[in-house]
Amino acid sequence: MVFGEQIRTILIERIERHFAKRGMADIDEGSELKNRLAELIVRVIDSYQQDGTETASLLLDELGGSLDRPSMAAPDRTFASELLEQMRDYFITSNNLSRQVDGPARHNSLLTGRKSSLSPELVENTLSPLANARRIDLLLRLSDESDSLAGLSKGMGLQKGHLQFHLRTLLKAALIQYDKKSHLYSLTSQGAIAIDEVSRLIDRLAPAEPGMTQ
């Protein structure tokens, strides 16, 4: 239930960001698609929470097929396709989490259990790709929409060679993916989770501004 609510929030926010960036042209068509995508997410996540990933995946395929319209603008068609794929990635993640939870019983002490599984090397390998302002900027940009190397280079004011170093790091960490056909980089489900969790962590750990009490 908790994971489902997190998925719902992330996807609805992504829809809001996408259509907020649209121009005023085709506003009626854009509004209709926005509502249909939001309704799809609500129905699929409800199904996921009530019946599990298998039933939700079948419903996703059924409802997703009804969105394929030749008249749909190319950016919206790409966005809808990426949104559906992100949901499928979430279901895969959910299944992986379920297998971990169904494993050996945890130690009675939650703190002890966390310490035993908190490998310093694992923490470094997991968090080091996120410990860079340029890479966080990349993740935030790609959370809005997919982009090319040239587009990211122009938007961030970075040379392509320098930018490719950061992109390779994020690709290796599976936080982003690259489509060889469209030549576009996009956020993965792990990348979306990383942004969400980093934001929560910063809210909790960021030092208070001078003059403010805790």
N, C-alpha and C. Protein backbone atom coordinates (compact mmCIF):
# COMPACT_ATOMS: atom_id res chain seq x y z
N MET A 1 0.83 -1.21 0.00
CA MET A 1 0.00 0.00 0.00
C MET A 1 0.86 1.25 0.00
N VAL A 2 1.92 1.24 0.84
CA VAL A 2 2.80 2.41 0.93
C VAL A 2 3.53 2.64 -0.38
N PHE A 3 4.06 1.56 -0.96
CA PHE A 3 4.78 1.69 -2.22
C PHE A 3 3.84 2.18 -3.32
N GLY A 4 2.60 1.69 -3.30
CA GLY A 4 1.62 2.13 -4.29
C GLY A 4 1.34 3.61 -4.21
N GLU A 5 1.23 4.14 -2.99
CA GLU A 5 0.98 5.58 -2.82
C GLU A 5 2.18 6.40 -3.30
N GLN A 6 3.39 5.88 -3.07
CA GLN A 6 4.58 6.58 -3.55
C GLN A 6 4.61 6.62 -5.07
N ILE A 7 4.30 5.47 -5.69
CA ILE A 7 4.25 5.42 -7.15
C ILE A 7 3.22 6.41 -7.69
N ARG A 8 2.04 6.41 -7.08
CA ARG A 8 0.96 7.28 -7.54
C ARG A 8 1.40 8.75 -7.49
N THR A 9 2.00 9.16 -6.39
CA THR A 9 2.43 10.55 -6.23
C THR A 9 3.47 10.95 -7.27
N ILE A 10 4.47 10.08 -7.46
CA ILE A 10 5.54 10.37 -8.41
C ILE A 10 5.00 10.52 -9.83
N LEU A 11 4.11 9.60 -10.24
CA LEU A 11 3.61 9.61 -11.61
C LEU A 11 2.66 10.77 -11.87
N ILE A 12 1.80 11.07 -10.90
CA ILE A 12 0.88 12.21 -11.07
C ILE A 12 1.68 13.51 -11.16
N GLU A 13 2.72 13.63 -10.33
CA GLU A 13 3.55 14.84 -10.39
C GLU A 13 4.26 14.94 -11.74
N ARG A 14 4.68 13.80 -12.28
CA ARG A 14 5.35 13.83 -13.58
C ARG A 14 4.39 14.28 -14.68
N ILE A 15 3.14 13.82 -14.61
CA ILE A 15 2.13 14.26 -15.58
C ILE A 15 1.92 15.77 -15.48
N GLU A 16 1.81 16.27 -14.26
CA GLU A 16 1.60 17.71 -14.06
C GLU A 16 2.76 18.51 -14.65
N ARG A 17 3.98 18.04 -14.43
CA ARG A 17 5.15 18.76 -14.96
C ARG A 17 5.15 18.76 -16.48
N HIS A 18 4.82 17.61 -17.08
CA HIS A 18 4.84 17.51 -18.54
C HIS A 18 3.85 18.48 -19.18
N PHE A 19 2.61 18.49 -18.69
CA PHE A 19 1.59 19.31 -19.34
C PHE A 19 1.70 20.78 -18.93
N ALA A 20 2.39 21.06 -17.81
CA ALA A 20 2.64 22.45 -17.44
C ALA A 20 3.62 23.10 -18.42
N LYS A 21 4.46 22.27 -19.04
CA LYS A 21 5.45 22.79 -19.99
C LYS A 21 4.90 22.89 -21.41
N ARG A 22 3.70 22.39 -21.64
CA ARG A 22 3.10 22.49 -22.97
C ARG A 22 2.73 23.93 -23.29
N GLY A 23 2.70 24.23 -24.60
CA GLY A 23 2.23 25.55 -25.02
C GLY A 23 0.71 25.61 -24.97
N MET A 24 0.15 26.72 -25.35
CA MET A 24 -1.31 26.89 -25.33
C MET A 24 -1.98 26.24 -26.53
N ALA A 25 -1.20 25.81 -27.54
CA ALA A 25 -1.81 25.17 -28.71
C ALA A 25 -2.34 23.79 -28.32
N ASP A 26 -3.45 23.41 -28.94
CA ASP A 26 -4.06 22.10 -28.70
C ASP A 26 -4.36 21.89 -27.23
N ILE A 27 -4.80 22.96 -26.55
CA ILE A 27 -5.01 22.87 -25.11
C ILE A 27 -6.11 21.87 -24.77
N ASP A 28 -7.17 21.78 -25.60
CA ASP A 28 -8.26 20.84 -25.32
C ASP A 28 -7.78 19.40 -25.42
N GLU A 29 -7.03 19.11 -26.49
CA GLU A 29 -6.50 17.77 -26.67
C GLU A 29 -5.53 17.42 -25.55
N GLY A 30 -4.68 18.38 -25.16
CA GLY A 30 -3.71 18.15 -24.08
C GLY A 30 -4.41 17.90 -22.77
N SER A 31 -5.47 18.66 -22.49
CA SER A 31 -6.22 18.48 -21.25
C SER A 31 -6.88 17.11 -21.20
N GLU A 32 -7.42 16.67 -22.33
CA GLU A 32 -8.07 15.36 -22.39
C GLU A 32 -7.05 14.25 -22.12
N LEU A 33 -5.88 14.33 -22.76
CA LEU A 33 -4.86 13.32 -22.56
C LEU A 33 -4.36 13.32 -21.12
N LYS A 34 -4.18 14.49 -20.56
CA LYS A 34 -3.73 14.60 -19.17
C LYS A 34 -4.71 13.89 -18.24
N ASN A 35 -6.00 14.13 -18.44
CA ASN A 35 -7.02 13.50 -17.59
C ASN A 35 -7.05 11.99 -17.78
N ARG A 36 -6.87 11.53 -19.02
CA ARG A 36 -6.89 10.09 -19.30
C ARG A 36 -5.69 9.40 -18.67
N LEU A 37 -4.53 10.04 -18.72
CA LEU A 37 -3.34 9.47 -18.10
C LEU A 37 -3.48 9.40 -16.59
N ALA A 38 -4.02 10.48 -16.01
CA ALA A 38 -4.21 10.50 -14.55
C ALA A 38 -5.20 9.42 -14.13
N GLU A 39 -6.28 9.26 -14.91
CA GLU A 39 -7.28 8.23 -14.59
C GLU A 39 -6.67 6.84 -14.72
N LEU A 40 -5.84 6.64 -15.74
CA LEU A 40 -5.17 5.36 -15.93
C LEU A 40 -4.31 5.01 -14.72
N ILE A 41 -3.55 6.00 -14.25
CA ILE A 41 -2.67 5.76 -13.10
C ILE A 41 -3.48 5.38 -11.87
N VAL A 42 -4.55 6.11 -11.62
CA VAL A 42 -5.38 5.83 -10.45
C VAL A 42 -5.93 4.41 -10.52
N ARG A 43 -6.46 4.00 -11.67
CA ARG A 43 -7.07 2.67 -11.79
C ARG A 43 -6.03 1.57 -11.67
N VAL A 44 -4.87 1.76 -12.31
CA VAL A 44 -3.84 0.72 -12.27
C VAL A 44 -3.25 0.59 -10.87
N ILE A 45 -2.98 1.71 -10.21
CA ILE A 45 -2.41 1.64 -8.86
C ILE A 45 -3.42 1.05 -7.89
N ASP A 46 -4.70 1.39 -8.03
CA ASP A 46 -5.73 0.77 -7.19
C ASP A 46 -5.73 -0.75 -7.39
N SER A 47 -5.61 -1.17 -8.64
CA SER A 47 -5.56 -2.60 -8.94
C SER A 47 -4.32 -3.24 -8.33
N TYR A 48 -3.20 -2.54 -8.44
CA TYR A 48 -1.94 -3.04 -7.86
C TYR A 48 -2.06 -3.22 -6.35
N GLN A 49 -2.65 -2.25 -5.68
CA GLN A 49 -2.77 -2.32 -4.23
C GLN A 49 -3.75 -3.40 -3.78
N GLN A 50 -4.77 -3.66 -4.58
CA GLN A 50 -5.80 -4.62 -4.19
C GLN A 50 -5.49 -6.04 -4.66
N ASP A 51 -4.94 -6.16 -5.89
CA ASP A 51 -4.81 -7.50 -6.49
C ASP A 51 -3.39 -7.90 -6.84
N GLY A 52 -2.42 -6.99 -6.71
CA GLY A 52 -1.04 -7.35 -6.99
C GLY A 52 -0.56 -6.93 -8.37
N THR A 53 0.72 -7.21 -8.63
CA THR A 53 1.36 -6.70 -9.85
C THR A 53 0.86 -7.39 -11.12
N GLU A 54 0.54 -8.68 -11.06
CA GLU A 54 0.13 -9.39 -12.28
C GLU A 54 -1.15 -8.82 -12.84
N THR A 55 -2.17 -8.65 -11.97
CA THR A 55 -3.44 -8.10 -12.43
C THR A 55 -3.28 -6.65 -12.88
N ALA A 56 -2.49 -5.88 -12.12
CA ALA A 56 -2.26 -4.47 -12.48
C ALA A 56 -1.54 -4.35 -13.81
N SER A 57 -0.60 -5.24 -14.09
CA SER A 57 0.13 -5.21 -15.35
C SER A 57 -0.79 -5.49 -16.54
N LEU A 58 -1.71 -6.45 -16.37
CA LEU A 58 -2.67 -6.74 -17.43
C LEU A 58 -3.58 -5.54 -17.69
N LEU A 59 -4.02 -4.89 -16.62
CA LEU A 59 -4.86 -3.70 -16.77
C LEU A 59 -4.08 -2.57 -17.42
N LEU A 60 -2.81 -2.44 -17.07
CA LEU A 60 -1.96 -1.41 -17.68
C LEU A 60 -1.84 -1.61 -19.18
N ASP A 61 -1.64 -2.85 -19.61
CA ASP A 61 -1.54 -3.13 -21.04
C ASP A 61 -2.86 -2.82 -21.75
N GLU A 62 -3.96 -3.16 -21.09
CA GLU A 62 -5.28 -2.92 -21.69
C GLU A 62 -5.55 -1.42 -21.84
N LEU A 63 -5.36 -0.67 -20.75
CA LEU A 63 -5.65 0.76 -20.80
C LEU A 63 -4.61 1.51 -21.62
N GLY A 64 -3.37 1.05 -21.56
CA GLY A 64 -2.32 1.71 -22.33
C GLY A 64 -2.55 1.60 -23.82
N GLY A 65 -3.09 0.47 -24.27
CA GLY A 65 -3.37 0.30 -25.69
C GLY A 65 -4.39 1.28 -26.22
N SER A 66 -5.32 1.68 -25.36
CA SER A 66 -6.36 2.62 -25.80
C SER A 66 -5.83 4.04 -25.98
N LEU A 67 -4.60 4.29 -25.51
CA LEU A 67 -4.03 5.63 -25.62
C LEU A 67 -3.34 5.86 -26.96
N ASP A 68 -3.08 4.80 -27.70
CA ASP A 68 -2.31 4.89 -28.94
C ASP A 68 -3.16 5.48 -30.05
N ARG A 69 -3.00 6.78 -30.26
CA ARG A 69 -3.74 7.47 -31.30
C ARG A 69 -2.78 8.07 -32.32
N PRO A 70 -2.99 7.82 -33.62
CA PRO A 70 -2.10 8.39 -34.64
C PRO A 70 -2.08 9.91 -34.60
N SER A 71 -3.18 10.52 -34.16
CA SER A 71 -3.26 11.98 -34.17
C SER A 71 -2.55 12.61 -32.97
N MET A 72 -2.12 11.80 -32.03
CA MET A 72 -1.48 12.33 -30.84
C MET A 72 -0.14 12.97 -31.20
N ALA A 73 0.14 14.14 -30.64
CA ALA A 73 1.40 14.83 -30.91
C ALA A 73 2.57 13.95 -30.50
N ALA A 74 3.66 14.01 -31.27
CA ALA A 74 4.82 13.15 -31.03
C ALA A 74 5.36 13.26 -29.61
N PRO A 75 5.53 14.49 -29.05
CA PRO A 75 6.04 14.57 -27.67
C PRO A 75 5.13 13.91 -26.67
N ASP A 76 3.81 14.03 -26.88
CA ASP A 76 2.86 13.41 -25.95
C ASP A 76 2.86 11.89 -26.10
N ARG A 77 3.01 11.42 -27.34
CA ARG A 77 3.06 9.97 -27.56
C ARG A 77 4.28 9.38 -26.88
N THR A 78 5.42 10.07 -27.01
CA THR A 78 6.65 9.61 -26.36
C THR A 78 6.51 9.64 -24.85
N PHE A 79 5.92 10.72 -24.34
CA PHE A 79 5.75 10.85 -22.88
C PHE A 79 4.84 9.74 -22.34
N ALA A 80 3.73 9.48 -23.02
CA ALA A 80 2.80 8.45 -22.56
C ALA A 80 3.47 7.09 -22.56
N SER A 81 4.26 6.81 -23.60
CA SER A 81 4.96 5.53 -23.69
C SER A 81 5.96 5.39 -22.54
N GLU A 82 6.69 6.46 -22.24
CA GLU A 82 7.67 6.42 -21.16
C GLU A 82 6.99 6.27 -19.81
N LEU A 83 5.82 6.90 -19.66
CA LEU A 83 5.09 6.82 -18.40
C LEU A 83 4.63 5.38 -18.14
N LEU A 84 4.11 4.72 -19.17
CA LEU A 84 3.68 3.33 -19.04
C LEU A 84 4.86 2.43 -18.72
N GLU A 85 5.99 2.68 -19.38
CA GLU A 85 7.18 1.87 -19.14
C GLU A 85 7.70 2.07 -17.72
N GLN A 86 7.59 3.31 -17.21
CA GLN A 86 8.01 3.59 -15.84
C GLN A 86 7.16 2.79 -14.84
N MET A 87 5.86 2.68 -15.11
CA MET A 87 4.98 1.91 -14.24
C MET A 87 5.36 0.43 -14.26
N ARG A 88 5.69 -0.08 -15.44
CA ARG A 88 6.12 -1.48 -15.53
C ARG A 88 7.41 -1.70 -14.74
N ASP A 89 8.33 -0.73 -14.81
CA ASP A 89 9.57 -0.83 -14.03
C ASP A 89 9.26 -0.85 -12.54
N TYR A 90 8.29 -0.05 -12.12
CA TYR A 90 7.91 -0.02 -10.71
C TYR A 90 7.38 -1.40 -10.27
N PHE A 91 6.61 -2.05 -11.12
CA PHE A 91 6.06 -3.36 -10.76
C PHE A 91 7.19 -4.39 -10.63
N ILE A 92 8.19 -4.28 -11.49
CA ILE A 92 9.36 -5.16 -11.38
C ILE A 92 10.07 -4.92 -10.05
N THR A 93 10.24 -3.64 -9.71
CA THR A 93 10.86 -3.29 -8.43
C THR A 93 10.04 -3.83 -7.27
N SER A 94 8.73 -3.72 -7.37
CA SER A 94 7.85 -4.21 -6.31
C SER A 94 8.02 -5.71 -6.11
N ASN A 95 8.10 -6.46 -7.21
CA ASN A 95 8.31 -7.91 -7.10
C ASN A 95 9.63 -8.24 -6.44
N ASN A 96 10.67 -7.47 -6.80
CA ASN A 96 11.99 -7.69 -6.17
C ASN A 96 11.93 -7.41 -4.68
N LEU A 97 11.24 -6.34 -4.30
CA LEU A 97 11.11 -6.00 -2.88
C LEU A 97 10.33 -7.09 -2.13
N SER A 98 9.30 -7.62 -2.77
CA SER A 98 8.49 -8.65 -2.14
C SER A 98 9.32 -9.90 -1.87
N ARG A 99 10.20 -10.25 -2.81
CA ARG A 99 11.04 -11.43 -2.61
C ARG A 99 12.00 -11.21 -1.44
N GLN A 100 12.49 -9.97 -1.29
CA GLN A 100 13.38 -9.68 -0.17
C GLN A 100 12.64 -9.78 1.15
N VAL A 101 11.42 -9.25 1.20
CA VAL A 101 10.63 -9.27 2.43
C VAL A 101 10.26 -10.69 2.80
N ASP A 102 10.01 -11.55 1.80
CA ASP A 102 9.61 -12.93 2.06
C ASP A 102 10.80 -13.83 2.39
N GLY A 103 12.00 -13.25 2.47
CA GLY A 103 13.19 -14.03 2.76
C GLY A 103 13.28 -14.38 4.23
N PRO A 104 14.50 -14.65 4.74
CA PRO A 104 14.68 -15.04 6.13
C PRO A 104 14.14 -13.98 7.08
N ALA A 105 13.64 -14.43 8.24
CA ALA A 105 13.08 -13.51 9.24
C ALA A 105 14.14 -12.53 9.70
N ARG A 106 13.72 -11.28 9.95
CA ARG A 106 14.64 -10.25 10.41
C ARG A 106 14.96 -10.45 11.88
N HIS A 107 16.09 -9.89 12.30
CA HIS A 107 16.49 -9.92 13.70
C HIS A 107 15.47 -9.13 14.52
N ASN A 108 15.26 -9.51 15.75
CA ASN A 108 14.27 -8.82 16.59
C ASN A 108 14.59 -7.36 16.76
N SER A 109 15.87 -7.03 16.74
CA SER A 109 16.26 -5.63 16.89
C SER A 109 16.37 -4.99 15.52
N LEU A 110 15.51 -4.00 15.22
CA LEU A 110 15.53 -3.34 13.92
C LEU A 110 16.85 -2.63 13.70
N LEU A 111 17.36 -1.99 14.73
CA LEU A 111 18.62 -1.26 14.61
C LEU A 111 19.76 -2.21 14.31
N THR A 112 19.79 -3.34 15.01
CA THR A 112 20.85 -4.32 14.77
C THR A 112 20.77 -4.85 13.34
N GLY A 113 19.55 -5.09 12.88
CA GLY A 113 19.38 -5.57 11.52
C GLY A 113 19.88 -4.58 10.49
N ARG A 114 19.62 -3.31 10.73
CA ARG A 114 20.08 -2.28 9.79
C ARG A 114 21.60 -2.21 9.77
N LYS A 115 22.20 -2.29 10.96
CA LYS A 115 23.65 -2.20 11.03
C LYS A 115 24.31 -3.35 10.29
N SER A 116 23.74 -4.54 10.46
CA SER A 116 24.35 -5.72 9.85
C SER A 116 24.29 -5.67 8.33
N SER A 117 23.27 -4.99 7.77
CA SER A 117 23.12 -4.93 6.32
C SER A 117 23.67 -3.64 5.72
N LEU A 118 24.14 -2.75 6.58
CA LEU A 118 24.61 -1.44 6.11
C LEU A 118 26.11 -1.50 5.84
N SER A 119 26.45 -2.06 4.69
CA SER A 119 27.84 -2.16 4.29
C SER A 119 28.35 -0.79 3.85
N PRO A 120 29.47 -0.31 4.41
CA PRO A 120 30.02 0.99 3.98
C PRO A 120 30.31 1.03 2.49
N GLU A 121 30.80 -0.09 1.95
CA GLU A 121 31.11 -0.13 0.52
C GLU A 121 29.83 -0.02 -0.32
N LEU A 122 28.75 -0.70 0.15
CA LEU A 122 27.48 -0.64 -0.57
C LEU A 122 26.91 0.77 -0.53
N VAL A 123 27.01 1.42 0.63
CA VAL A 123 26.53 2.80 0.76
C VAL A 123 27.28 3.70 -0.20
N GLU A 124 28.60 3.55 -0.26
CA GLU A 124 29.41 4.40 -1.15
C GLU A 124 29.05 4.17 -2.61
N ASN A 125 28.93 2.89 -3.00
CA ASN A 125 28.63 2.58 -4.40
C ASN A 125 27.24 3.05 -4.81
N THR A 126 26.30 3.00 -3.85
CA THR A 126 24.92 3.39 -4.15
C THR A 126 24.75 4.89 -4.20
N LEU A 127 25.41 5.59 -3.28
CA LEU A 127 25.17 7.03 -3.14
C LEU A 127 26.17 7.90 -3.90
N SER A 128 27.33 7.37 -4.24
CA SER A 128 28.33 8.22 -4.91
C SER A 128 27.84 8.81 -6.24
N PRO A 129 27.03 8.08 -7.06
CA PRO A 129 26.52 8.71 -8.28
C PRO A 129 25.63 9.91 -8.00
N LEU A 130 25.06 9.98 -6.80
CA LEU A 130 24.14 11.07 -6.45
C LEU A 130 24.84 12.22 -5.75
N ALA A 131 26.10 12.01 -5.39
CA ALA A 131 26.82 13.03 -4.62
C ALA A 131 27.54 14.01 -5.55
N ASN A 132 26.81 14.54 -6.52
CA ASN A 132 27.39 15.47 -7.48
C ASN A 132 26.27 16.38 -8.00
N ALA A 133 26.50 17.67 -7.94
CA ALA A 133 25.46 18.63 -8.31
C ALA A 133 25.07 18.50 -9.79
N ARG A 134 26.04 18.24 -10.66
CA ARG A 134 25.75 18.12 -12.09
C ARG A 134 24.84 16.92 -12.35
N ARG A 135 25.12 15.81 -11.66
CA ARG A 135 24.33 14.60 -11.90
C ARG A 135 22.91 14.75 -11.33
N ILE A 136 22.80 15.42 -10.21
CA ILE A 136 21.46 15.69 -9.67
C ILE A 136 20.69 16.57 -10.64
N ASP A 137 21.36 17.56 -11.21
CA ASP A 137 20.72 18.44 -12.20
C ASP A 137 20.25 17.62 -13.40
N LEU A 138 21.07 16.68 -13.84
CA LEU A 138 20.69 15.82 -14.96
C LEU A 138 19.44 15.00 -14.63
N LEU A 139 19.41 14.42 -13.44
CA LEU A 139 18.26 13.62 -13.04
C LEU A 139 16.99 14.46 -12.99
N LEU A 140 17.11 15.67 -12.46
CA LEU A 140 15.95 16.54 -12.36
C LEU A 140 15.45 16.94 -13.75
N ARG A 141 16.37 17.23 -14.66
CA ARG A 141 15.97 17.60 -16.02
C ARG A 141 15.28 16.42 -16.72
N LEU A 142 15.83 15.23 -16.55
CA LEU A 142 15.27 14.06 -17.21
C LEU A 142 13.99 13.58 -16.54
N SER A 143 13.73 14.03 -15.32
CA SER A 143 12.46 13.69 -14.68
C SER A 143 11.31 14.46 -15.33
N ASP A 144 11.62 15.57 -16.00
CA ASP A 144 10.60 16.33 -16.72
C ASP A 144 10.30 15.70 -18.07
N GLU A 145 11.36 15.36 -18.81
CA GLU A 145 11.18 14.76 -20.13
C GLU A 145 12.52 14.23 -20.62
N SER A 146 12.47 13.31 -21.57
CA SER A 146 13.69 12.77 -22.16
C SER A 146 14.40 13.87 -22.95
N ASP A 147 15.72 13.71 -23.13
CA ASP A 147 16.46 14.72 -23.86
C ASP A 147 17.68 14.08 -24.50
N SER A 148 18.21 14.76 -25.50
CA SER A 148 19.39 14.28 -26.22
C SER A 148 20.65 14.83 -25.57
N LEU A 149 21.79 14.31 -26.00
CA LEU A 149 23.07 14.81 -25.51
C LEU A 149 23.22 16.29 -25.87
N ALA A 150 22.84 16.64 -27.10
CA ALA A 150 22.97 18.04 -27.53
C ALA A 150 22.05 18.94 -26.71
N GLY A 151 20.82 18.48 -26.48
CA GLY A 151 19.87 19.28 -25.70
C GLY A 151 20.32 19.48 -24.28
N LEU A 152 20.83 18.43 -23.64
CA LEU A 152 21.32 18.53 -22.27
C LEU A 152 22.56 19.43 -22.21
N SER A 153 23.43 19.29 -23.19
CA SER A 153 24.63 20.11 -23.23
C SER A 153 24.29 21.60 -23.33
N LYS A 154 23.34 21.91 -24.19
CA LYS A 154 22.92 23.31 -24.34
C LYS A 154 22.21 23.82 -23.09
N GLY A 155 21.32 23.00 -22.54
CA GLY A 155 20.54 23.43 -21.39
C GLY A 155 21.38 23.64 -20.14
N MET A 156 22.44 22.82 -19.99
CA MET A 156 23.27 22.90 -18.80
C MET A 156 24.53 23.73 -19.00
N GLY A 157 24.79 24.09 -20.26
CA GLY A 157 25.99 24.88 -20.53
C GLY A 157 27.28 24.10 -20.31
N LEU A 158 27.26 22.80 -20.62
CA LEU A 158 28.42 21.94 -20.43
C LEU A 158 28.90 21.40 -21.77
N GLN A 159 30.22 21.22 -21.89
CA GLN A 159 30.76 20.57 -23.07
C GLN A 159 30.30 19.12 -23.10
N LYS A 160 30.10 18.58 -24.30
CA LYS A 160 29.57 17.23 -24.43
C LYS A 160 30.48 16.20 -23.77
N GLY A 161 31.80 16.38 -23.88
CA GLY A 161 32.72 15.43 -23.28
C GLY A 161 32.58 15.38 -21.77
N HIS A 162 32.47 16.55 -21.15
CA HIS A 162 32.29 16.62 -19.70
C HIS A 162 30.94 16.02 -19.31
N LEU A 163 29.92 16.32 -20.09
CA LEU A 163 28.58 15.83 -19.80
C LEU A 163 28.51 14.31 -19.93
N GLN A 164 29.20 13.75 -20.92
CA GLN A 164 29.15 12.30 -21.14
C GLN A 164 29.73 11.54 -19.96
N PHE A 165 30.70 12.12 -19.27
CA PHE A 165 31.27 11.49 -18.08
C PHE A 165 30.18 11.28 -17.03
N HIS A 166 29.37 12.33 -16.79
CA HIS A 166 28.30 12.23 -15.80
C HIS A 166 27.20 11.28 -16.27
N LEU A 167 26.90 11.32 -17.58
CA LEU A 167 25.87 10.43 -18.11
C LEU A 167 26.27 8.96 -17.97
N ARG A 168 27.55 8.66 -18.23
CA ARG A 168 28.02 7.28 -18.09
C ARG A 168 27.89 6.81 -16.65
N THR A 169 28.18 7.69 -15.70
CA THR A 169 28.05 7.33 -14.29
C THR A 169 26.62 6.99 -13.94
N LEU A 170 25.68 7.80 -14.42
CA LEU A 170 24.26 7.56 -14.13
C LEU A 170 23.74 6.32 -14.86
N LEU A 171 24.24 6.07 -16.07
CA LEU A 171 23.86 4.87 -16.81
C LEU A 171 24.35 3.62 -16.08
N LYS A 172 25.58 3.66 -15.61
CA LYS A 172 26.15 2.51 -14.89
C LYS A 172 25.36 2.21 -13.63
N ALA A 173 24.84 3.26 -12.98
CA ALA A 173 24.06 3.09 -11.75
C ALA A 173 22.60 2.76 -12.05
N ALA A 174 22.23 2.67 -13.33
CA ALA A 174 20.85 2.36 -13.77
C ALA A 174 19.85 3.42 -13.32
N LEU A 175 20.33 4.65 -13.15
CA LEU A 175 19.44 5.75 -12.78
C LEU A 175 18.83 6.41 -14.01
N ILE A 176 19.49 6.25 -15.16
CA ILE A 176 18.95 6.73 -16.43
C ILE A 176 19.15 5.63 -17.47
N GLN A 177 18.51 5.80 -18.62
CA GLN A 177 18.67 4.86 -19.72
C GLN A 177 18.81 5.63 -21.03
N TYR A 178 19.37 4.95 -22.03
CA TYR A 178 19.59 5.59 -23.34
C TYR A 178 18.92 4.76 -24.42
N ASP A 179 18.12 5.42 -25.25
CA ASP A 179 17.42 4.77 -26.36
C ASP A 179 18.25 4.99 -27.63
N LYS A 180 18.77 3.90 -28.18
CA LYS A 180 19.64 4.01 -29.35
C LYS A 180 18.88 4.44 -30.59
N LYS A 181 17.56 4.19 -30.63
CA LYS A 181 16.78 4.58 -31.80
C LYS A 181 16.49 6.08 -31.81
N SER A 182 16.04 6.59 -30.67
CA SER A 182 15.68 8.01 -30.60
C SER A 182 16.86 8.88 -30.18
N HIS A 183 17.94 8.25 -29.69
CA HIS A 183 19.12 8.97 -29.18
C HIS A 183 18.75 9.88 -28.01
N LEU A 184 17.81 9.41 -27.19
CA LEU A 184 17.37 10.20 -26.04
C LEU A 184 17.72 9.50 -24.74
N TYR A 185 18.07 10.31 -23.75
CA TYR A 185 18.27 9.82 -22.39
C TYR A 185 16.97 10.04 -21.62
N SER A 186 16.66 9.10 -20.72
CA SER A 186 15.45 9.24 -19.91
C SER A 186 15.69 8.65 -18.53
N LEU A 187 14.84 9.03 -17.60
CA LEU A 187 14.94 8.57 -16.22
C LEU A 187 14.38 7.15 -16.11
N THR A 188 15.03 6.30 -15.31
CA THR A 188 14.50 4.97 -15.01
C THR A 188 13.67 5.04 -13.73
N SER A 189 13.01 3.95 -13.40
CA SER A 189 12.24 3.91 -12.16
C SER A 189 13.16 4.08 -10.96
N GLN A 190 14.39 3.49 -11.03
CA GLN A 190 15.35 3.68 -9.94
C GLN A 190 15.73 5.14 -9.81
N GLY A 191 15.87 5.82 -10.94
CA GLY A 191 16.22 7.24 -10.91
C GLY A 191 15.13 8.07 -10.27
N ALA A 192 13.86 7.75 -10.59
CA ALA A 192 12.75 8.47 -9.99
C ALA A 192 12.68 8.25 -8.49
N ILE A 193 12.92 7.00 -8.07
CA ILE A 193 12.93 6.69 -6.64
C ILE A 193 14.08 7.43 -5.96
N ALA A 194 15.25 7.47 -6.62
CA ALA A 194 16.41 8.15 -6.04
C ALA A 194 16.12 9.62 -5.80
N ILE A 195 15.51 10.29 -6.78
CA ILE A 195 15.19 11.71 -6.62
C ILE A 195 14.23 11.91 -5.46
N ASP A 196 13.21 11.07 -5.40
CA ASP A 196 12.21 11.19 -4.34
C ASP A 196 12.84 10.98 -2.97
N GLU A 197 13.67 9.94 -2.84
CA GLU A 197 14.27 9.64 -1.53
C GLU A 197 15.34 10.65 -1.14
N VAL A 198 16.12 11.13 -2.11
CA VAL A 198 17.11 12.16 -1.81
C VAL A 198 16.43 13.43 -1.32
N SER A 199 15.31 13.77 -1.95
CA SER A 199 14.56 14.96 -1.53
C SER A 199 14.08 14.81 -0.09
N ARG A 200 13.57 13.62 0.25
CA ARG A 200 13.12 13.38 1.62
C ARG A 200 14.29 13.46 2.60
N LEU A 201 15.43 12.88 2.21
CA LEU A 201 16.59 12.89 3.09
C LEU A 201 17.11 14.30 3.32
N ILE A 202 17.14 15.10 2.27
CA ILE A 202 17.61 16.48 2.40
C ILE A 202 16.69 17.27 3.32
N ASP A 203 15.38 17.06 3.17
CA ASP A 203 14.42 17.75 4.04
C ASP A 203 14.68 17.44 5.51
N ARG A 204 15.11 16.20 5.79
CA ARG A 204 15.31 15.80 7.18
C ARG A 204 16.69 16.18 7.71
N LEU A 205 17.71 16.20 6.83
CA LEU A 205 19.08 16.39 7.30
C LEU A 205 19.67 17.77 7.04
N ALA A 206 19.06 18.53 6.13
CA ALA A 206 19.63 19.85 5.79
C ALA A 206 19.67 20.73 7.04
N PRO A 207 20.80 21.41 7.27
CA PRO A 207 20.88 22.30 8.45
C PRO A 207 19.93 23.45 8.35
N ALA A 208 19.44 23.88 9.50
CA ALA A 208 18.52 25.02 9.54
C ALA A 208 19.25 26.31 9.16
N GLU A 209 18.51 27.25 8.58
CA GLU A 209 19.09 28.54 8.22
C GLU A 209 19.47 29.31 9.48
N PRO A 210 20.51 30.17 9.39
CA PRO A 210 20.92 30.94 10.56
C PRO A 210 19.75 31.72 11.15
N GLY A 211 19.64 31.67 12.48
CA GLY A 211 18.58 32.41 13.16
C GLY A 211 17.31 31.61 13.34
N MET A 212 17.23 30.39 12.73
CA MET A 212 16.05 29.57 12.86
C MET A 212 16.28 28.52 13.93
N THR A 213 15.27 28.26 14.72
CA THR A 213 15.38 27.24 15.76
C THR A 213 14.95 25.90 15.20
N GLN A 214 15.47 24.82 15.78
CA GLN A 214 15.13 23.48 15.34
C GLN A 214 13.73 23.11 15.84
